[in-house]
Amino acid sequence: MGTPCHFALFELQPSFRLDLDQLATRYRELARGVHPDRFADASEREQRLALEQSASLNEAYQTLKNPPKRARYLLAMGGRELPLEVTVQDPDFLMQQMQWREELEDLQDEADMAGVVVFKRRLKVAQDELNESFAACWDDAAQREQAERLMRRMQFLDKLTYEVRQLEERLDD
């Protein structure tokens, strides 16, 4: 039968809208069950199985708690595998990406910590809006292409948020 889907692992229905606190709680419960310490006296095979279960539990949790990864996973469940990096025919968003990148470079050049905080807040708002749009259209097959486009935008913002955090740390030092 193969590995159970990430959602089934946590006894959840496949959905983009998840209660992340509930997910974290369930993860901790399940993780305790497969913790290597519990298998210290077990056979080698049982230890190996526990390790494998622990690894797939971890992977499932990391995927589901991150909105772009969760969106990607849901789309992949719906059939075809999605190439990771595709420059989508999304000219509006390409313009937006360039603007964000330029702003971030300026903030970096000016070492503008207050500006970084504001930029981060705007990014968060953009991410929340994307998450809402994706949630609204992911399960509608007619909107498959739109869902994919939104997911790619989400991936970009996720990457940009990571870069902003790195910049913050550098400015903090």
Protein backbone atom coordinates (compact mmCIF):
# COMPACT_ATOMS: atom_id res chain seq x y z
CA MET A 1 0.00 0.00 0.00
CA GLY A 2 2.97 2.30 0.41
CA THR A 3 3.38 5.00 3.02
CA PRO A 4 0.25 6.62 4.41
CA CYS A 5 -0.32 10.17 3.30
CA HIS A 6 0.94 12.94 5.58
CA PHE A 7 -2.60 13.88 6.57
CA ALA A 8 -3.59 10.29 7.42
CA LEU A 9 -0.54 10.03 9.65
CA PHE A 10 -2.04 12.76 11.85
CA GLU A 11 -5.60 11.49 11.38
CA LEU A 12 -6.54 14.64 9.47
CA GLN A 13 -8.61 15.20 6.36
CA PRO A 14 -6.53 16.55 3.47
CA SER A 15 -7.15 20.27 3.68
CA PHE A 16 -5.18 23.45 3.34
CA ARG A 17 -6.78 24.96 6.43
CA LEU A 18 -5.22 23.23 9.42
CA ASP A 19 -5.24 23.90 13.13
CA LEU A 20 -1.47 24.18 13.62
CA ASP A 21 -1.68 23.86 17.41
CA GLN A 22 -3.63 20.63 17.03
CA LEU A 23 -1.08 19.45 14.47
CA ALA A 24 1.82 20.20 16.84
CA THR A 25 0.13 18.43 19.75
CA ARG A 26 -0.59 15.34 17.64
CA TYR A 27 2.99 15.40 16.35
CA ARG A 28 4.39 15.40 19.88
CA GLU A 29 2.10 12.50 20.88
CA LEU A 30 3.12 10.43 17.87
CA ALA A 31 6.81 11.34 18.19
CA ARG A 32 6.87 10.04 21.76
CA GLY A 33 5.55 6.71 20.49
CA VAL A 34 8.44 6.20 18.09
CA HIS A 35 11.20 7.84 20.14
CA PRO A 36 14.44 5.77 19.90
CA ASP A 37 14.72 5.63 23.71
CA ARG A 38 11.57 3.51 23.82
CA PHE A 39 13.28 0.95 21.61
CA ALA A 40 16.61 0.73 23.43
CA ASP A 41 15.99 -2.92 24.38
CA ALA A 42 14.14 -3.85 21.20
CA SER A 43 15.47 -5.93 18.33
CA GLU A 44 17.54 -4.30 15.62
CA ARG A 45 14.62 -4.57 13.22
CA GLU A 46 12.25 -2.83 15.64
CA GLN A 47 14.81 -0.09 16.24
CA ARG A 48 15.21 0.43 12.51
CA LEU A 49 11.43 0.56 12.03
CA ALA A 50 11.06 3.09 14.83
CA LEU A 51 13.76 5.24 13.21
CA GLU A 52 12.02 5.07 9.84
CA GLN A 53 8.67 5.95 11.40
CA SER A 54 10.26 8.80 13.30
CA ALA A 55 11.81 10.14 10.07
CA SER A 56 8.58 9.98 8.06
CA LEU A 57 6.63 11.54 10.93
CA ASN A 58 9.13 14.37 11.00
CA GLU A 59 8.95 14.88 7.26
CA ALA A 60 5.15 14.87 7.33
CA TYR A 61 5.11 17.44 10.13
CA GLN A 62 7.61 19.77 8.42
CA THR A 63 5.54 19.58 5.23
CA LEU A 64 2.16 20.20 6.80
CA LYS A 65 3.13 23.03 9.14
CA ASN A 66 4.64 25.11 6.30
CA PRO A 67 1.91 26.64 4.08
CA PRO A 68 3.83 26.58 0.73
CA LYS A 69 4.96 22.99 1.35
CA ARG A 70 1.46 22.01 2.41
CA ALA A 71 0.01 23.62 -0.74
CA ARG A 72 2.55 21.83 -2.90
CA TYR A 73 1.81 18.50 -1.20
CA LEU A 74 -1.95 18.89 -1.69
CA LEU A 75 -1.46 19.67 -5.37
CA ALA A 76 0.86 16.68 -5.79
CA MET A 77 -1.74 14.44 -4.08
CA GLY A 78 -4.14 15.53 -6.79
CA GLY A 79 -2.15 13.69 -9.42
CA ARG A 80 0.82 15.03 -11.25
CA GLU A 81 4.16 15.83 -9.70
CA LEU A 82 5.05 19.49 -9.80
CA PRO A 83 8.45 20.62 -10.99
CA LEU A 84 10.10 22.60 -8.21
CA GLU A 85 11.24 25.70 -10.03
CA VAL A 86 9.26 26.85 -13.00
CA THR A 87 9.15 30.40 -14.18
CA VAL A 88 5.44 30.63 -14.44
CA GLN A 89 3.68 32.82 -16.90
CA ASP A 90 2.92 35.21 -14.09
CA PRO A 91 4.16 38.62 -15.30
CA ASP A 92 2.40 40.60 -12.55
CA PHE A 93 4.09 38.61 -9.88
CA LEU A 94 7.47 38.78 -11.59
CA MET A 95 7.22 42.57 -11.39
CA GLN A 96 6.25 42.31 -7.73
CA GLN A 97 9.23 40.00 -7.07
CA MET A 98 11.62 42.51 -8.62
CA GLN A 99 10.19 45.33 -6.51
CA TRP A 100 10.54 43.31 -3.31
CA ARG A 101 14.09 42.31 -4.17
CA GLU A 102 15.07 45.92 -4.86
CA GLU A 103 13.48 47.09 -1.61
CA LEU A 104 15.32 44.40 0.31
CA GLU A 105 18.62 45.39 -1.29
CA ASP A 106 18.03 49.04 -0.35
CA LEU A 107 17.22 48.05 3.24
CA GLN A 108 20.42 46.03 3.30
CA ASP A 109 22.52 48.86 1.86
CA GLU A 110 21.10 51.33 4.34
CA ALA A 111 21.21 48.81 7.21
CA ASP A 112 17.71 50.05 7.97
CA MET A 113 16.47 47.83 10.82
CA ALA A 114 13.17 49.70 11.29
CA GLY A 115 12.54 49.39 7.56
CA VAL A 116 13.21 45.65 7.71
CA VAL A 117 10.58 45.25 10.43
CA VAL A 118 7.98 47.07 8.32
CA PHE A 119 8.97 45.08 5.22
CA LYS A 120 8.58 41.83 7.18
CA ARG A 121 5.10 42.86 8.33
CA ARG A 122 4.07 43.59 4.72
CA LEU A 123 5.41 40.22 3.63
CA LYS A 124 3.38 38.51 6.34
CA VAL A 125 0.21 40.23 5.12
CA ALA A 126 0.96 39.15 1.53
CA GLN A 127 1.53 35.58 2.73
CA ASP A 128 -1.73 35.50 4.68
CA GLU A 129 -3.62 36.77 1.63
CA LEU A 130 -2.01 34.13 -0.59
CA ASN A 131 -2.83 31.41 1.92
CA GLU A 132 -6.48 32.51 1.92
CA SER A 133 -6.63 32.60 -1.89
CA PHE A 134 -5.06 29.17 -2.11
CA ALA A 135 -7.42 27.71 0.49
CA ALA A 136 -10.33 29.08 -1.53
CA CYS A 137 -9.31 27.47 -4.82
CA TRP A 138 -7.14 24.40 -4.19
CA ASP A 139 -9.88 21.76 -4.26
CA ASP A 140 -11.58 23.10 -7.35
CA ALA A 141 -10.13 21.16 -10.30
CA ALA A 142 -11.13 23.99 -12.63
CA GLN A 143 -8.81 26.26 -10.70
CA ARG A 144 -5.85 23.88 -10.70
CA GLU A 145 -3.60 26.24 -12.67
CA GLN A 146 -4.48 29.16 -10.43
CA ALA A 147 -3.73 27.01 -7.36
CA GLU A 148 -0.33 26.10 -8.81
CA ARG A 149 0.42 29.75 -9.55
CA LEU A 150 -0.51 30.71 -5.99
CA MET A 151 1.63 27.90 -4.58
CA ARG A 152 4.65 29.17 -6.52
CA ARG A 153 4.04 32.69 -5.23
CA MET A 154 3.88 31.22 -1.72
CA GLN A 155 7.21 29.49 -2.26
CA PHE A 156 8.80 32.74 -3.38
CA LEU A 157 7.50 34.67 -0.35
CA ASP A 158 8.71 31.88 1.93
CA LYS A 159 12.20 32.20 0.46
CA LEU A 160 12.08 35.99 0.71
CA THR A 161 10.98 35.81 4.36
CA TYR A 162 13.98 33.59 5.07
CA GLU A 163 16.28 36.16 3.42
CA VAL A 164 14.71 38.95 5.48
CA ARG A 165 15.37 36.97 8.69
CA GLN A 166 19.00 36.50 7.66
CA LEU A 167 19.32 40.21 7.01
CA GLU A 168 17.83 40.95 10.44
CA GLU A 169 20.40 38.69 12.09
CA ARG A 170 23.23 40.38 10.21
CA LEU A 171 21.99 43.84 11.19
CA ASP A 172 21.60 42.69 14.78
CA ASP A 173 25.23 41.63 15.11
